[in-house]
N, C-alpha and C. Protein backbone atom coordinates (compact mmCIF):
# COMPACT_ATOMS: atom_id res chain seq x y z
N MET A 1 12.93 -10.59 -50.05
CA MET A 1 13.09 -9.95 -48.33
C MET A 1 11.38 -9.11 -48.06
N SER A 2 10.90 -9.21 -47.34
CA SER A 2 9.56 -8.47 -47.51
C SER A 2 10.22 -6.86 -46.97
N GLU A 3 9.37 -5.50 -47.06
CA GLU A 3 9.54 -4.63 -46.86
C GLU A 3 9.26 -4.38 -45.64
N LYS A 4 10.03 -3.55 -44.62
CA LYS A 4 9.37 -3.51 -43.77
C LYS A 4 8.66 -1.53 -43.27
N LYS A 5 7.70 -1.83 -43.19
CA LYS A 5 6.72 -0.15 -43.10
C LYS A 5 6.99 0.06 -41.50
N PRO A 6 7.54 1.98 -41.85
CA PRO A 6 7.50 2.59 -40.65
C PRO A 6 6.20 2.40 -39.74
N ALA A 7 6.58 2.34 -38.58
CA ALA A 7 5.69 2.55 -37.19
C ALA A 7 4.56 3.97 -37.59
N THR A 8 3.48 3.78 -37.85
CA THR A 8 2.61 5.09 -37.69
C THR A 8 1.53 4.86 -36.45
N SER A 9 1.66 6.02 -35.82
CA SER A 9 0.62 6.14 -34.66
C SER A 9 -0.38 6.07 -34.81
N THR A 10 -1.47 5.92 -34.61
CA THR A 10 -2.62 5.94 -35.10
C THR A 10 -3.33 7.54 -33.80
N SER A 11 -2.95 7.02 -32.61
CA SER A 11 -3.40 6.99 -31.64
C SER A 11 -2.60 9.41 -31.43
N LYS A 12 -3.96 10.43 -31.57
CA LYS A 12 -3.07 11.13 -31.14
C LYS A 12 -2.67 11.67 -30.28
N THR A 13 -1.66 12.54 -29.63
CA THR A 13 -0.77 12.41 -28.25
C THR A 13 -1.39 13.99 -27.58
N PRO A 14 -2.10 13.54 -26.80
CA PRO A 14 -3.00 14.50 -25.77
C PRO A 14 -1.91 15.82 -25.82
N HIS A 15 -2.39 16.93 -25.36
CA HIS A 15 -1.29 18.11 -25.17
C HIS A 15 -0.78 17.68 -23.87
N SER A 16 0.15 17.71 -23.37
CA SER A 16 0.60 17.12 -22.14
C SER A 16 1.08 18.65 -21.13
N HIS A 17 0.49 18.83 -20.14
CA HIS A 17 0.36 19.69 -18.98
C HIS A 17 0.79 19.64 -18.15
N THR A 18 2.06 20.22 -18.22
CA THR A 18 3.13 20.00 -17.43
C THR A 18 2.81 21.21 -16.01
N THR A 19 3.26 20.49 -15.17
CA THR A 19 2.72 21.00 -13.87
C THR A 19 3.33 21.14 -12.86
N SER A 20 4.44 22.27 -12.51
CA SER A 20 5.17 22.85 -11.75
C SER A 20 5.67 21.94 -10.56
N LEU A 21 6.55 21.86 -9.83
CA LEU A 21 6.55 20.63 -8.73
C LEU A 21 6.31 21.40 -7.63
N PHE A 22 6.42 23.25 -7.49
CA PHE A 22 5.80 23.83 -6.52
C PHE A 22 4.48 24.82 -6.99
N ASP A 23 4.08 25.51 -6.37
CA ASP A 23 2.63 26.46 -6.69
C ASP A 23 3.40 27.57 -6.26
N LYS A 24 2.61 28.77 -6.49
CA LYS A 24 2.89 30.45 -6.52
C LYS A 24 3.80 30.30 -5.24
N GLN A 25 2.17 29.73 -4.18
CA GLN A 25 2.20 29.83 -2.61
C GLN A 25 3.51 29.32 -2.29
N ASN A 26 3.94 28.32 -2.68
CA ASN A 26 4.95 27.61 -2.08
C ASN A 26 6.80 28.44 -2.23
N LEU A 27 6.73 28.97 -3.58
CA LEU A 27 7.94 29.58 -3.85
C LEU A 27 7.67 31.34 -3.15
N MET A 28 6.77 31.38 -2.62
CA MET A 28 6.22 32.60 -1.60
C MET A 28 7.02 32.40 -0.43
N LEU A 29 6.26 31.16 0.21
CA LEU A 29 6.80 31.01 1.60
C LEU A 29 7.98 30.10 1.82
N MET A 30 9.18 30.16 0.16
CA MET A 30 10.08 29.78 0.10
C MET A 30 10.85 30.85 0.37
N LEU A 31 10.53 32.13 -0.24
CA LEU A 31 11.07 33.47 0.15
C LEU A 31 10.97 34.09 1.19
N LEU A 32 9.77 33.95 2.38
CA LEU A 32 9.56 34.55 3.06
C LEU A 32 10.94 32.91 4.11
N GLY A 33 10.73 32.16 4.03
CA GLY A 33 11.72 31.87 4.88
C GLY A 33 13.28 31.72 4.85
N VAL A 34 13.78 32.39 3.74
CA VAL A 34 14.77 32.46 3.61
C VAL A 34 15.45 34.00 3.69
N GLY A 35 13.85 35.19 3.69
CA GLY A 35 13.91 36.44 4.47
C GLY A 35 14.22 36.04 5.54
N VAL A 36 13.88 35.68 6.23
CA VAL A 36 13.41 35.53 7.71
C VAL A 36 14.77 34.78 8.14
N ILE A 37 15.80 34.05 7.45
CA ILE A 37 17.00 33.07 7.91
C ILE A 37 17.78 34.03 7.08
N ALA A 38 17.90 34.89 6.52
CA ALA A 38 18.40 36.30 6.15
C ALA A 38 18.80 37.25 7.06
N LEU A 39 17.85 37.70 7.90
CA LEU A 39 17.07 38.46 9.38
C LEU A 39 18.44 37.87 10.31
N GLY A 40 18.16 36.48 10.46
CA GLY A 40 18.75 36.16 11.40
C GLY A 40 20.09 35.89 11.58
N ILE A 41 20.39 36.16 10.29
CA ILE A 41 21.98 36.11 9.78
C ILE A 41 22.40 37.33 10.16
N LEU A 42 21.64 38.06 9.51
CA LEU A 42 22.28 39.27 9.56
C LEU A 42 22.61 39.86 11.41
N LEU A 43 21.11 40.02 12.11
CA LEU A 43 21.60 40.09 13.63
C LEU A 43 22.64 39.53 14.40
N MET A 44 22.61 38.32 14.15
CA MET A 44 24.00 37.50 14.57
C MET A 44 25.64 37.92 14.52
N VAL A 45 25.29 38.27 13.55
CA VAL A 45 26.71 39.15 12.89
C VAL A 45 27.12 41.00 13.37
N GLY A 46 25.73 41.43 13.98
CA GLY A 46 25.94 43.00 14.49
C GLY A 46 27.07 43.61 13.72
N GLY A 47 27.42 44.93 14.85
CA GLY A 47 28.08 45.36 14.45
C GLY A 47 29.36 45.28 14.47
N ALA A 48 30.63 46.25 14.10
CA ALA A 48 32.16 45.86 14.36
C ALA A 48 31.97 46.80 15.56
N SER A 49 33.41 46.46 16.34
CA SER A 49 33.57 46.91 17.58
C SER A 49 34.84 48.24 17.00
N LYS A 50 34.50 48.90 18.11
CA LYS A 50 35.51 50.40 17.65
C LYS A 50 37.08 49.83 17.91
N ASP A 51 37.11 49.15 18.69
CA ASP A 51 38.78 48.76 19.37
C ASP A 51 38.96 47.19 19.22
N PRO A 52 38.98 46.63 18.26
CA PRO A 52 39.27 45.35 18.19
C PRO A 52 40.49 44.73 19.09
N SER A 53 41.06 45.29 20.01
CA SER A 53 41.93 44.77 20.79
C SER A 53 41.05 44.47 22.07
N VAL A 54 39.85 45.30 22.34
CA VAL A 54 39.62 45.25 23.63
C VAL A 54 37.50 44.50 23.75
N PHE A 55 38.10 43.36 24.68
CA PHE A 55 36.44 42.44 24.65
C PHE A 55 35.60 42.89 25.58
N ASN A 56 34.54 43.08 24.35
CA ASN A 56 33.32 43.58 25.33
C ASN A 56 32.10 42.94 25.31
N TYR A 57 31.92 42.32 26.33
CA TYR A 57 30.95 40.75 26.73
C TYR A 57 30.08 41.40 26.12
N ASP A 58 29.40 42.47 26.60
CA ASP A 58 28.18 42.59 26.31
C ASP A 58 27.88 42.95 25.03
N GLU A 59 28.33 43.21 24.28
CA GLU A 59 28.08 43.61 22.53
C GLU A 59 28.10 41.81 22.09
N VAL A 60 29.32 41.22 22.64
CA VAL A 60 29.59 39.96 21.77
C VAL A 60 28.33 38.70 22.64
N TYR A 61 27.75 38.76 24.12
CA TYR A 61 26.69 38.38 24.78
C TYR A 61 25.11 38.75 24.56
N SER A 62 24.88 39.61 23.73
CA SER A 62 24.17 40.18 24.06
C SER A 62 22.76 38.96 23.73
N THR A 63 21.24 39.91 24.24
CA THR A 63 20.09 38.44 23.95
C THR A 63 19.80 38.59 22.63
N THR A 64 20.53 39.90 21.92
CA THR A 64 19.95 39.69 20.03
C THR A 64 20.55 38.37 19.33
N ARG A 65 22.24 38.36 19.60
CA ARG A 65 22.93 37.30 19.21
C ARG A 65 22.79 36.27 19.33
N ILE A 66 22.80 36.07 20.84
CA ILE A 66 22.42 34.65 21.42
C ILE A 66 21.02 34.15 21.10
N THR A 67 20.37 34.95 21.51
CA THR A 67 18.74 33.95 21.61
C THR A 67 18.03 34.37 20.14
N ILE A 68 17.57 35.64 19.96
CA ILE A 68 16.73 35.92 18.85
C ILE A 68 17.31 35.64 17.20
N ALA A 69 18.42 36.13 17.18
CA ALA A 69 19.39 35.29 16.15
C ALA A 69 18.85 33.69 15.70
N PRO A 70 19.41 33.38 16.74
CA PRO A 70 19.41 31.65 16.60
C PRO A 70 17.62 31.46 16.68
N ILE A 71 16.68 31.87 16.83
CA ILE A 71 15.54 31.42 17.51
C ILE A 71 14.81 31.80 15.50
N LEU A 72 14.98 33.57 14.69
CA LEU A 72 15.19 33.32 13.54
C LEU A 72 15.09 32.38 12.90
N ILE A 73 16.09 31.80 12.67
CA ILE A 73 16.76 30.93 11.66
C ILE A 73 16.39 29.79 12.16
N ILE A 74 15.94 29.44 13.00
CA ILE A 74 15.80 27.75 13.23
C ILE A 74 13.77 28.37 12.55
N ILE A 75 13.66 29.55 12.83
CA ILE A 75 11.42 30.02 12.86
C ILE A 75 12.17 29.32 10.67
N GLY A 76 12.68 30.56 10.15
CA GLY A 76 13.05 30.65 8.96
C GLY A 76 13.00 28.81 8.35
N LEU A 77 13.92 27.76 9.16
CA LEU A 77 14.04 26.77 8.47
C LEU A 77 12.97 25.74 8.84
N VAL A 78 11.98 25.90 9.75
CA VAL A 78 10.57 25.44 9.70
C VAL A 78 9.86 26.29 8.56
N ILE A 79 9.58 27.50 8.04
CA ILE A 79 9.06 27.66 7.29
C ILE A 79 9.32 26.98 6.02
N GLU A 80 10.96 27.07 5.36
CA GLU A 80 11.55 26.16 4.29
C GLU A 80 10.90 25.01 4.37
N ILE A 81 11.09 23.76 5.54
CA ILE A 81 10.66 22.58 5.50
C ILE A 81 8.93 22.98 4.49
N TYR A 82 8.04 23.54 5.65
CA TYR A 82 6.95 23.64 5.29
C TYR A 82 6.14 23.64 4.11
N ALA A 83 7.04 24.57 3.43
CA ALA A 83 7.16 25.45 2.10
C ALA A 83 7.37 24.36 1.38
N ILE A 84 8.22 23.41 1.06
CA ILE A 84 8.24 22.13 0.73
C ILE A 84 7.18 21.28 0.59
N PHE A 85 7.05 20.81 1.99
CA PHE A 85 6.15 19.74 1.67
C PHE A 85 4.62 20.11 1.47
N LYS A 86 4.23 21.15 1.61
CA LYS A 86 3.53 21.82 1.59
C LYS A 86 2.72 21.08 -0.17
N LYS A 87 1.43 20.40 -0.61
CA LYS A 87 1.44 20.12 -1.28
C LYS A 87 0.24 21.05 -2.41
N PRO A 88 0.89 21.40 -3.70
CA PRO A 88 0.23 22.73 -4.30
C PRO A 88 -1.33 22.08 -4.25
N LYS A 89 -2.31 23.21 -5.14
CA LYS A 89 -3.84 22.94 -4.89
C LYS A 89 -3.73 22.51 -6.62
N PRO A 90 -4.70 21.98 -6.40
CA PRO A 90 -5.08 21.24 -7.81
C PRO A 90 -5.76 22.53 -8.70
């Protein structure tokens, strides 16, 4: 029987340069988006009522909770989508 020689590679393997999926700018935009979403959620939550048995219409349906907070959450989501799809610089 013939002896099999181990396969040796004569070509040198180049140093593989791994690139991150997201650039530093992408990560900063993602953090900004998370911050804007968190701000919107905090504005939507609001404060506690002094008397839980009394319904305060103006506090529950304020402009901040009904309009501004959802707009901030949507803006934060748009920032997140942009940060994910933005191509990093070569």
